[in-house]
């Protein structure tokens, strides 16, 4: 496998919108090359007779069944709130109207 070039690292940095210095380009190129070589080694070891898995051990469902249980009324839930409006917690605005995305 060919080593990753400085130009490829610079391209990845631009795509990621990262400001990278010339010195960092050299450092990252070496680091990414080591990572790519390790991934290539894993790919070489993978055998056709071994099924792909997402986990090394079998998983079991650990979730409980959904059961409706009694809960707080809106009035009880809001009883300790410093401010409430229309059965909701009222909190101070932290963003301007025109900043919403």
PDB file of N, CA and C in Angstrom:
ATOM      1  N   UNK A   1       0.842  -1.180   0.000  1.00  0.00           N
ATOM      2  CA  UNK A   1       0.000   0.000   0.000  1.00  0.00           C
ATOM      3  C   UNK A   1       0.883   1.238   0.000  1.00  0.00           C
ATOM      4  N   UNK A   2       0.560   2.195  -0.849  1.00  0.00           N
ATOM      5  CA  UNK A   2       1.334   3.427  -0.940  1.00  0.00           C
ATOM      6  C   UNK A   2       1.083   4.301   0.283  1.00  0.00           C
ATOM      7  N   UNK A   3       2.123   5.022   0.662  1.00  0.00           N
ATOM      8  CA  UNK A   3       2.000   5.923   1.815  1.00  0.00           C
ATOM      9  C   UNK A   3       1.082   7.089   1.447  1.00  0.00           C
ATOM     10  N   UNK A   4       0.422   7.625   2.436  1.00  0.00           N
ATOM     11  CA  UNK A   4      -0.458   8.780   2.208  1.00  0.00           C
ATOM     12  C   UNK A   4       0.421  10.018   2.033  1.00  0.00           C
ATOM     13  N   UNK A   5       0.106  10.829   1.070  1.00  0.00           N
ATOM     14  CA  UNK A   5       0.937  11.994   0.765  1.00  0.00           C
ATOM     15  C   UNK A   5       0.503  13.211   1.575  1.00  0.00           C
ATOM     16  N   UNK A   6       1.409  14.199   1.607  1.00  0.00           N
ATOM     17  CA  UNK A   6       1.099  15.449   2.286  1.00  0.00           C
ATOM     18  C   UNK A   6      -0.097  16.129   1.630  1.00  0.00           C
ATOM     19  N   UNK A   7      -0.185  16.013   0.299  1.00  0.00           N
ATOM     20  CA  UNK A   7      -1.285  16.628  -0.439  1.00  0.00           C
ATOM     21  C   UNK A   7      -2.615  15.991  -0.040  1.00  0.00           C
ATOM     22  N   UNK A   8      -2.608  14.669   0.153  1.00  0.00           N
ATOM     23  CA  UNK A   8      -3.835  13.984   0.577  1.00  0.00           C
ATOM     24  C   UNK A   8      -4.230  14.400   1.990  1.00  0.00           C
ATOM     25  N   UNK A   9      -3.235  14.558   2.853  1.00  0.00           N
ATOM     26  CA  UNK A   9      -3.512  15.021   4.221  1.00  0.00           C
ATOM     27  C   UNK A   9      -4.061  16.445   4.182  1.00  0.00           C
ATOM     28  N   UNK A  10      -3.473  17.291   3.357  1.00  0.00           N
ATOM     29  CA  UNK A  10      -3.964  18.666   3.233  1.00  0.00           C
ATOM     30  C   UNK A  10      -5.392  18.676   2.697  1.00  0.00           C
ATOM     31  N   UNK A  11      -5.681  17.779   1.749  1.00  0.00           N
ATOM     32  CA  UNK A  11      -7.036  17.683   1.205  1.00  0.00           C
ATOM     33  C   UNK A  11      -8.022  17.248   2.289  1.00  0.00           C
ATOM     34  N   UNK A  12      -7.640  16.241   3.075  1.00  0.00           N
ATOM     35  CA  UNK A  12      -8.500  15.791   4.181  1.00  0.00           C
ATOM     36  C   UNK A  12      -8.717  16.914   5.194  1.00  0.00           C
ATOM     37  N   UNK A  13      -7.673  17.677   5.466  1.00  0.00           N
ATOM     38  CA  UNK A  13      -7.788  18.792   6.418  1.00  0.00           C
ATOM     39  C   UNK A  13      -8.760  19.844   5.885  1.00  0.00           C
ATOM     40  N   UNK A  14      -8.668  20.146   4.575  1.00  0.00           N
ATOM     41  CA  UNK A  14      -9.602  21.115   3.992  1.00  0.00           C
ATOM     42  C   UNK A  14     -11.035  20.601   4.075  1.00  0.00           C
ATOM     43  N   UNK A  15     -11.239  19.319   3.761  1.00  0.00           N
ATOM     44  CA  UNK A  15     -12.581  18.750   3.843  1.00  0.00           C
ATOM     45  C   UNK A  15     -13.128  18.805   5.268  1.00  0.00           C
ATOM     46  N   UNK A  16     -12.237  18.627   6.235  1.00  0.00           N
ATOM     47  CA  UNK A  16     -12.630  18.646   7.648  1.00  0.00           C
ATOM     48  C   UNK A  16     -12.641  20.053   8.225  1.00  0.00           C
ATOM     49  N   UNK A  17     -12.255  21.014   7.399  1.00  0.00           N
ATOM     50  CA  UNK A  17     -12.178  22.416   7.812  1.00  0.00           C
ATOM     51  C   UNK A  17     -11.259  22.608   9.012  1.00  0.00           C
ATOM     52  N   UNK A  18     -10.096  21.931   8.925  1.00  0.00           N
ATOM     53  CA  UNK A  18      -9.089  22.037   9.968  1.00  0.00           C
ATOM     54  C   UNK A  18      -7.937  22.901   9.476  1.00  0.00           C
ATOM     55  N   UNK A  19      -7.487  23.806  10.307  1.00  0.00           N
ATOM     56  CA  UNK A  19      -6.306  24.598   9.992  1.00  0.00           C
ATOM     57  C   UNK A  19      -5.085  23.783  10.407  1.00  0.00           C
ATOM     58  N   UNK A  20      -4.278  23.403   9.429  1.00  0.00           N
ATOM     59  CA  UNK A  20      -3.131  22.534   9.696  1.00  0.00           C
ATOM     60  C   UNK A  20      -1.869  23.235   9.206  1.00  0.00           C
ATOM     61  N   UNK A  21      -0.832  23.247  10.049  1.00  0.00           N
ATOM     62  CA  UNK A  21       0.443  23.850   9.663  1.00  0.00           C
ATOM     63  C   UNK A  21       1.227  22.880   8.783  1.00  0.00           C
ATOM     64  N   UNK A  22       2.269  23.390   8.146  1.00  0.00           N
ATOM     65  CA  UNK A  22       3.120  22.555   7.292  1.00  0.00           C
ATOM     66  C   UNK A  22       3.759  21.428   8.112  1.00  0.00           C
ATOM     67  N   UNK A  23       4.164  21.753   9.329  1.00  0.00           N
ATOM     68  CA  UNK A  23       4.775  20.745  10.210  1.00  0.00           C
ATOM     69  C   UNK A  23       3.761  19.656  10.566  1.00  0.00           C
ATOM     70  N   UNK A  24       2.523  20.066  10.837  1.00  0.00           N
ATOM     71  CA  UNK A  24       1.474  19.096  11.170  1.00  0.00           C
ATOM     72  C   UNK A  24       1.146  18.194   9.986  1.00  0.00           C
ATOM     73  N   UNK A  25       1.250  18.731   8.756  1.00  0.00           N
ATOM     74  CA  UNK A  25       1.009  17.893   7.579  1.00  0.00           C
ATOM     75  C   UNK A  25       1.956  16.704   7.561  1.00  0.00           C
ATOM     76  N   UNK A  26       3.237  16.958   7.851  1.00  0.00           N
ATOM     77  CA  UNK A  26       4.217  15.862   7.881  1.00  0.00           C
ATOM     78  C   UNK A  26       3.905  14.882   9.003  1.00  0.00           C
ATOM     79  N   UNK A  27       3.572  15.416  10.186  1.00  0.00           N
ATOM     80  CA  UNK A  27       3.266  14.561  11.336  1.00  0.00           C
ATOM     81  C   UNK A  27       2.036  13.709  11.063  1.00  0.00           C
ATOM     82  N   UNK A  28       0.962  14.351  10.586  1.00  0.00           N
ATOM     83  CA  UNK A  28      -0.284  13.625  10.326  1.00  0.00           C
ATOM     84  C   UNK A  28      -0.128  12.609   9.197  1.00  0.00           C
ATOM     85  N   UNK A  29       0.688  12.926   8.194  1.00  0.00           N
ATOM     86  CA  UNK A  29       0.902  11.981   7.091  1.00  0.00           C
ATOM     87  C   UNK A  29       1.513  10.699   7.625  1.00  0.00           C
ATOM     88  N   UNK A  30       2.492  10.827   8.509  1.00  0.00           N
ATOM     89  CA  UNK A  30       3.116   9.640   9.103  1.00  0.00           C
ATOM     90  C   UNK A  30       2.143   8.859   9.971  1.00  0.00           C
ATOM     91  N   UNK A  31       1.368   9.575  10.777  1.00  0.00           N
ATOM     92  CA  UNK A  31       0.414   8.918  11.666  1.00  0.00           C
ATOM     93  C   UNK A  31      -0.689   8.218  10.877  1.00  0.00           C
ATOM     94  N   UNK A  32      -1.223   8.896   9.872  1.00  0.00           N
ATOM     95  CA  UNK A  32      -2.278   8.275   9.066  1.00  0.00           C
ATOM     96  C   UNK A  32      -1.755   7.085   8.281  1.00  0.00           C
ATOM     97  N   UNK A  33      -0.507   7.149   7.843  1.00  0.00           N
ATOM     98  CA  UNK A  33       0.083   6.010   7.131  1.00  0.00           C
ATOM     99  C   UNK A  33       0.157   4.784   8.039  1.00  0.00           C
ATOM    100  N   UNK A  34       0.536   4.982   9.296  1.00  0.00           N
ATOM    101  CA  UNK A  34       0.596   3.865  10.258  1.00  0.00           C
ATOM    102  C   UNK A  34      -0.801   3.275  10.459  1.00  0.00           C
ATOM    103  N   UNK A  35      -1.809   4.138  10.570  1.00  0.00           N
ATOM    104  CA  UNK A  35      -3.186   3.677  10.759  1.00  0.00           C
ATOM    105  C   UNK A  35      -3.643   2.881   9.543  1.00  0.00           C
ATOM    106  N   UNK A  36      -3.378   3.401   8.353  1.00  0.00           N
ATOM    107  CA  UNK A  36      -3.800   2.706   7.128  1.00  0.00           C
ATOM    108  C   UNK A  36      -3.095   1.362   6.977  1.00  0.00           C
ATOM    109  N   UNK A  37      -1.837   1.289   7.361  1.00  0.00           N
ATOM    110  CA  UNK A  37      -1.119   0.008   7.312  1.00  0.00           C
ATOM    111  C   UNK A  37      -1.730  -0.996   8.283  1.00  0.00           C
ATOM    112  N   UNK A  38      -2.109  -0.534   9.469  1.00  0.00           N
ATOM    113  CA  UNK A  38      -2.731  -1.430  10.453  1.00  0.00           C
ATOM    114  C   UNK A  38      -4.070  -1.944   9.931  1.00  0.00           C
ATOM    115  N   UNK A  39      -4.865  -1.087   9.300  1.00  0.00           N
ATOM    116  CA  UNK A  39      -6.140  -1.504   8.737  1.00  0.00           C
ATOM    117  C   UNK A  39      -5.911  -2.515   7.619  1.00  0.00           C
ATOM    118  N   UNK A  40      -4.890  -2.299   6.813  1.00  0.00           N
ATOM    119  CA  UNK A  40      -4.576  -3.231   5.730  1.00  0.00           C
ATOM    120  C   UNK A  40      -4.185  -4.592   6.290  1.00  0.00           C
ATOM    121  N   UNK A  41      -3.447  -4.608   7.389  1.00  0.00           N
ATOM    122  CA  UNK A  41      -3.068  -5.880   8.015  1.00  0.00           C
ATOM    123  C   UNK A  41      -4.295  -6.635   8.507  1.00  0.00           C
ATOM    124  N   UNK A  42      -5.240  -5.933   9.080  1.00  0.00           N
ATOM    125  CA  UNK A  42      -6.473  -6.572   9.547  1.00  0.00           C
ATOM    126  C   UNK A  42      -7.213  -7.161   8.352  1.00  0.00           C
ATOM    127  N   UNK A  43      -7.238  -6.419   7.252  1.00  0.00           N
ATOM    128  CA  UNK A  43      -7.904  -6.913   6.049  1.00  0.00           C
ATOM    129  C   UNK A  43      -7.261  -8.167   5.504  1.00  0.00           C
ATOM    130  N   UNK A  44      -5.957  -8.301   5.654  1.00  0.00           N
ATOM    131  CA  UNK A  44      -5.263  -9.497   5.180  1.00  0.00           C
ATOM    132  C   UNK A  44      -5.600 -10.715   6.031  1.00  0.00           C
ATOM    133  N   UNK A  45      -5.841 -10.505   7.305  1.00  0.00           N
ATOM    134  CA  UNK A  45      -6.114 -11.608   8.220  1.00  0.00           C
ATOM    135  C   UNK A  45      -7.530 -12.137   8.062  1.00  0.00           C
ATOM    136  N   UNK A  46      -8.450 -11.276   7.685  1.00  0.00           N
ATOM    137  CA  UNK A  46      -9.846 -11.685   7.561  1.00  0.00           C
ATOM    138  C   UNK A  46      -9.963 -12.860   6.595  1.00  0.00           C
ATOM    139  N   UNK A  47     -10.626 -13.905   7.058  1.00  0.00           N
ATOM    140  CA  UNK A  47     -10.769 -15.111   6.248  1.00  0.00           C
ATOM    141  C   UNK A  47     -12.209 -15.252   5.768  1.00  0.00           C
ATOM    142  N   UNK A  48     -12.368 -15.866   4.617  1.00  0.00           N
ATOM    143  CA  UNK A  48     -13.694 -16.027   4.018  1.00  0.00           C
ATOM    144  C   UNK A  48     -14.589 -16.941   4.862  1.00  0.00           C
ATOM    145  N   UNK A  49     -13.993 -17.865   5.616  1.00  0.00           N
ATOM    146  CA  UNK A  49     -14.796 -18.807   6.392  1.00  0.00           C
ATOM    147  C   UNK A  49     -15.216 -18.263   7.759  1.00  0.00           C
ATOM    148  N   UNK A  50     -14.837 -17.038   8.078  1.00  0.00           N
ATOM    149  CA  UNK A  50     -15.214 -16.426   9.358  1.00  0.00           C
ATOM    150  C   UNK A  50     -16.290 -15.385   9.080  1.00  0.00           C
ATOM    151  N   UNK A  51     -17.485 -15.573   9.661  1.00  0.00           N
ATOM    152  CA  UNK A  51     -18.566 -14.614   9.388  1.00  0.00           C
ATOM    153  C   UNK A  51     -18.285 -13.266  10.048  1.00  0.00           C
ATOM    154  N   UNK A  52     -18.683 -12.190   9.389  1.00  0.00           N
ATOM    155  CA  UNK A  52     -18.493 -10.865  10.002  1.00  0.00           C
ATOM    156  C   UNK A  52     -19.374 -10.720  11.241  1.00  0.00           C
ATOM    157  N   UNK A  53     -18.876 -10.037  12.237  1.00  0.00           N
ATOM    158  CA  UNK A  53     -19.630  -9.804  13.473  1.00  0.00           C
ATOM    159  C   UNK A  53     -19.492  -8.343  13.884  1.00  0.00           C
ATOM    160  N   UNK A  54     -20.443  -7.874  14.644  1.00  0.00           N
ATOM    161  CA  UNK A  54     -20.351  -6.513  15.157  1.00  0.00           C
ATOM    162  C   UNK A  54     -19.783  -6.491  16.577  1.00  0.00           C
ATOM    163  N   UNK A  55     -19.841  -7.638  17.266  1.00  0.00           N
ATOM    164  CA  UNK A  55     -19.330  -7.738  18.631  1.00  0.00           C
ATOM    165  C   UNK A  55     -18.605  -9.068  18.788  1.00  0.00           C
ATOM    166  N   UNK A  56     -17.659  -9.090  19.696  1.00  0.00           N
ATOM    167  CA  UNK A  56     -16.895 -10.315  19.905  1.00  0.00           C
ATOM    168  C   UNK A  56     -17.654 -11.349  20.736  1.00  0.00           C
ATOM    169  N   UNK A  57     -18.661 -10.907  21.467  1.00  0.00           N
ATOM    170  CA  UNK A  57     -19.476 -11.824  22.268  1.00  0.00           C
ATOM    171  C   UNK A  57     -20.936 -11.631  21.892  1.00  0.00           C
ATOM    172  N   UNK A  58     -21.743 -12.670  22.006  1.00  0.00           N
ATOM    173  CA  UNK A  58     -23.166 -12.510  21.666  1.00  0.00           C
ATOM    174  C   UNK A  58     -23.856 -11.512  22.585  1.00  0.00           C
ATOM    175  N   UNK A  59     -24.775 -10.765  22.027  1.00  0.00           N
ATOM    176  CA  UNK A  59     -25.523  -9.790  22.820  1.00  0.00           C
ATOM    177  C   UNK A  59     -26.912 -10.320  23.111  1.00  0.00           C
ATOM    178  N   UNK A  60     -27.421  -9.958  24.274  1.00  0.00           N
ATOM    179  CA  UNK A  60     -28.798 -10.304  24.607  1.00  0.00           C
ATOM    180  C   UNK A  60     -29.538  -9.007  24.917  1.00  0.00           C
ATOM    181  N   UNK A  61     -30.821  -9.014  24.713  1.00  0.00           N
ATOM    182  CA  UNK A  61     -31.628  -7.845  24.984  1.00  0.00           C
ATOM    183  C   UNK A  61     -31.711  -7.637  26.491  1.00  0.00           C
ATOM    184  N   UNK A  62     -31.221  -6.500  26.953  1.00  0.00           N
ATOM    185  CA  UNK A  62     -31.225  -6.220  28.388  1.00  0.00           C
ATOM    186  C   UNK A  62     -32.321  -5.235  28.766  1.00  0.00           C
ATOM    187  N   UNK A  63     -33.150  -4.868  27.803  1.00  0.00           N
ATOM    188  CA  UNK A  63     -34.220  -3.930  28.082  1.00  0.00           C
ATOM    189  C   UNK A  63     -35.407  -4.631  28.706  1.00  0.00           C
ATOM    190  N   UNK A  64     -36.073  -3.916  29.572  1.00  0.00           N
ATOM    191  CA  UNK A  64     -37.274  -4.464  30.189  1.00  0.00           C
ATOM    192  C   UNK A  64     -38.464  -4.190  29.284  1.00  0.00           C
ATOM    193  N   UNK A  65     -39.540  -4.897  29.512  1.00  0.00           N
ATOM    194  CA  UNK A  65     -40.764  -4.642  28.766  1.00  0.00           C
ATOM    195  C   UNK A  65     -41.318  -3.280  29.153  1.00  0.00           C
ATOM    196  N   UNK A  66     -41.923  -2.593  28.191  1.00  0.00           N
ATOM    197  CA  UNK A  66     -42.590  -1.333  28.480  1.00  0.00           C
ATOM    198  C   UNK A  66     -43.874  -1.616  29.237  1.00  0.00           C
ATOM    199  N   UNK A  67     -43.962  -1.084  30.442  1.00  0.00           N
ATOM    200  CA  UNK A  67     -45.147  -1.269  31.269  1.00  0.00           C
ATOM    201  C   UNK A  67     -45.580   0.108  31.759  1.00  0.00           C
ATOM    202  N   UNK A  68     -46.829   0.433  31.533  1.00  0.00           N
ATOM    203  CA  UNK A  68     -47.354   1.711  31.998  1.00  0.00           C
ATOM    204  C   UNK A  68     -47.485   1.663  33.508  1.00  0.00           C
ATOM    205  N   UNK A  69     -46.902   2.654  34.169  1.00  0.00           N
ATOM    206  CA  UNK A  69     -46.982   2.748  35.628  1.00  0.00           C
ATOM    207  C   UNK A  69     -47.450   4.148  35.997  1.00  0.00           C
ATOM    208  N   UNK A  70     -48.001   4.313  37.181  1.00  0.00           N
ATOM    209  CA  UNK A  70     -48.444   5.647  37.596  1.00  0.00           C
ATOM    210  C   UNK A  70     -47.252   6.608  37.639  1.00  0.00           C
ATOM    211  N   UNK A  71     -47.496   7.850  37.239  1.00  0.00           N
ATOM    212  CA  UNK A  71     -46.434   8.853  37.255  1.00  0.00           C
ATOM    213  C   UNK A  71     -46.993  10.170  37.773  1.00  0.00           C
ATOM    214  N   UNK A  72     -46.151  11.182  37.787  1.00  0.00           N
ATOM    215  CA  UNK A  72     -46.560  12.484  38.298  1.00  0.00           C
ATOM    216  C   UNK A  72     -47.557  13.154  37.353  1.00  0.00           C
ATOM    217  N   UNK A  73     -48.461  13.887  37.932  1.00  0.00           N
ATOM    218  CA  UNK A  73     -49.345  14.724  37.115  1.00  0.00           C
ATOM    219  C   UNK A  73     -48.531  15.945  36.690  1.00  0.00           C
ATOM    220  N   UNK A  74     -48.976  16.656  35.658  1.00  0.00           N
ATOM    221  CA  UNK A  74     -48.248  17.876  35.274  1.00  0.00           C
ATOM    222  C   UNK A  74     -48.107  18.855  36.438  1.00  0.00           C
ATOM    223  N   UNK A  75     -49.144  18.977  37.251  1.00  0.00           N
ATOM    224  CA  UNK A  75     -49.083  19.895  38.386  1.00  0.00           C
ATOM    225  C   UNK A  75     -48.019  19.436  39.395  1.00  0.00           C
ATOM    226  N   UNK A  76     -47.950  18.134  39.661  1.00  0.00           N
ATOM    227  CA  UNK A  76     -46.946  17.620  40.598  1.00  0.00           C
ATOM    228  C   UNK A  76     -45.532  17.813  40.041  1.00  0.00           C
ATOM    229  N   UNK A  77     -45.359  17.562  38.746  1.00  0.00           N
ATOM    230  CA  UNK A  77     -44.035  17.700  38.142  1.00  0.00           C
ATOM    231  C   UNK A  77     -43.565  19.150  38.167  1.00  0.00           C
ATOM    232  N   UNK A  78     -44.492  20.082  37.986  1.00  0.00           N
ATOM    233  CA  UNK A  78     -44.136  21.497  37.932  1.00  0.00           C
ATOM    234  C   UNK A  78     -44.182  22.187  39.287  1.00  0.00           C
ATOM    235  N   UNK A  79     -44.545  21.451  40.332  1.00  0.00           N
ATOM    236  CA  UNK A  79     -44.719  22.076  41.645  1.00  0.00           C
ATOM    237  C   UNK A  79     -43.436  22.709  42.172  1.00  0.00           C
ATOM    238  N   UNK A  80     -42.293  22.206  41.845  1.00  0.00           N
ATOM    239  CA  UNK A  80     -41.034  22.771  42.335  1.00  0.00           C
ATOM    240  C   UNK A  80     -40.356  23.685  41.338  1.00  0.00           C
ATOM    241  N   UNK A  81     -40.980  23.909  40.198  1.00  0.00           N
ATOM    242  CA  UNK A  81     -40.374  24.750  39.157  1.00  0.00           C
ATOM    243  C   UNK A  81     -40.421  26.212  39.557  1.00  0.00           C
ATOM    244  N   UNK A  82     -39.350  26.957  39.302  1.00  0.00           N
ATOM    245  CA  UNK A  82     -39.378  28.383  39.606  1.00  0.00           C
ATOM    246  C   UNK A  82     -40.393  29.129  38.757  1.00  0.00           C
ATOM    247  N   UNK A  83     -40.649  28.645  37.526  1.00  0.00           N
ATOM    248  CA  UNK A  83     -41.621  29.304  36.651  1.00  0.00           C
ATOM    249  C   UNK A  83     -42.189  28.263  35.697  1.00  0.00           C
ATOM    250  N   UNK A  84     -43.498  28.310  35.481  1.00  0.00           N
ATOM    251  CA  UNK A  84     -44.158  27.376  34.576  1.00  0.00           C
ATOM    252  C   UNK A  84     -45.167  28.139  33.731  1.00  0.00           C
ATOM    253  N   UNK A  85     -45.391  27.621  32.523  1.00  0.00           N
ATOM    254  CA  UNK A  85     -46.366  28.244  31.635  1.00  0.00           C
ATOM    255  C   UNK A  85     -46.934  27.154  30.734  1.00  0.00           C
ATOM    256  N   UNK A  86     -48.255  27.071  30.642  1.00  0.00           N
ATOM    257  CA  UNK A  86     -48.949  26.097  29.801  1.00  0.00           C
ATOM    258  C   UNK A  86     -48.462  24.662  30.060  1.00  0.00           C
ATOM    259  N   UNK A  87     -48.355  24.304  31.317  1.00  0.00           N
ATOM    260  CA  UNK A  87     -47.933  22.975  31.760  1.00  0.00           C
ATOM    261  C   UNK A  87     -46.533  22.605  31.269  1.00  0.00           C
ATOM    262  N   UNK A  88     -45.650  23.610  31.183  1.00  0.00           N
ATOM    263  CA  UNK A  88     -44.260  23.388  30.775  1.00  0.00           C
ATOM    264  C   UNK A  88     -43.358  24.206  31.688  1.00  0.00           C
ATOM    265  N   UNK A  89     -42.108  23.736  31.822  1.00  0.00           N
ATOM    266  CA  UNK A  89     -41.123  24.531  32.538  1.00  0.00           C
ATOM    267  C   UNK A  89     -40.820  25.770  31.702  1.00  0.00           C
ATOM    268  N   UNK A  90     -40.812  26.927  32.323  1.00  0.00           N
ATOM    269  CA  UNK A  90     -40.461  28.154  31.612  1.00  0.00           C
ATOM    270  C   UNK A  90     -39.047  28.518  32.013  1.00  0.00           C
ATOM    271  N   UNK A  91     -38.187  28.655  30.998  1.00  0.00           N
ATOM    272  CA  UNK A  91     -36.777  28.962  31.245  1.00  0.00           C
ATOM    273  C   UNK A  91     -36.409  30.238  30.507  1.00  0.00           C
ATOM    274  N   UNK A  92     -35.368  30.935  30.956  1.00  0.00           N
ATOM    275  CA  UNK A  92     -34.954  32.163  30.280  1.00  0.00           C
ATOM    276  C   UNK A  92     -34.446  31.870  28.866  1.00  0.00           C
ATOM    277  N   UNK A  93     -34.720  32.786  27.946  1.00  0.00           N
ATOM    278  CA  UNK A  93     -34.246  32.669  26.569  1.00  0.00           C
ATOM    279  C   UNK A  93     -32.726  32.858  26.564  1.00  0.00           C
ATOM    280  N   UNK A  94     -32.019  31.999  25.831  1.00  0.00           N
ATOM    281  CA  UNK A  94     -30.567  32.138  25.741  1.00  0.00           C
ATOM    282  C   UNK A  94     -30.115  32.490  24.331  1.00  0.00           C
ATOM    283  N   UNK A  95     -31.011  32.371  23.343  1.00  0.00           N
ATOM    284  CA  UNK A  95     -30.678  32.710  21.971  1.00  0.00           C
ATOM    285  C   UNK A  95     -31.626  33.781  21.463  1.00  0.00           C
ATOM    286  N   UNK A  96     -31.140  34.623  20.567  1.00  0.00           N
ATOM    287  CA  UNK A  96     -31.997  35.621  19.939  1.00  0.00           C
ATOM    288  C   UNK A  96     -32.857  34.927  18.883  1.00  0.00           C
ATOM    289  N   UNK A  97     -33.962  35.550  18.549  1.00  0.00           N
ATOM    290  CA  UNK A  97     -34.871  34.987  17.542  1.00  0.00           C
ATOM    291  C   UNK A  97     -34.187  34.768  16.215  1.00  0.00           C
ATOM    292  N   UNK A  98     -33.339  35.709  15.760  1.00  0.00           N
ATOM    293  CA  UNK A  98     -32.728  35.631  14.440  1.00  0.00           C
ATOM    294  C   UNK A  98     -31.533  34.682  14.378  1.00  0.00           C
ATOM    295  N   UNK A  99     -31.138  34.054  15.489  1.00  0.00           N
ATOM    296  CA  UNK A  99     -29.996  33.140  15.509  1.00  0.00           C
ATOM    297  C   UNK A  99     -30.424  31.704  15.276  1.00  0.00           C
ATOM    298  N   UNK A 100     -31.709  31.405  15.328  1.00  0.00           N
ATOM    299  CA  UNK A 100     -32.188  30.026  15.193  1.00  0.00           C
ATOM    300  C   UNK A 100     -31.701  29.436  13.881  1.00  0.00           C
ATOM    301  N   UNK A 101     -31.307  28.148  13.928  1.00  0.00           N
ATOM    302  CA  UNK A 101     -30.800  27.506  12.717  1.00  0.00           C
ATOM    303  C   UNK A 101     -31.823  26.616  12.071  1.00  0.00           C
TER     304      UNK A 101
END
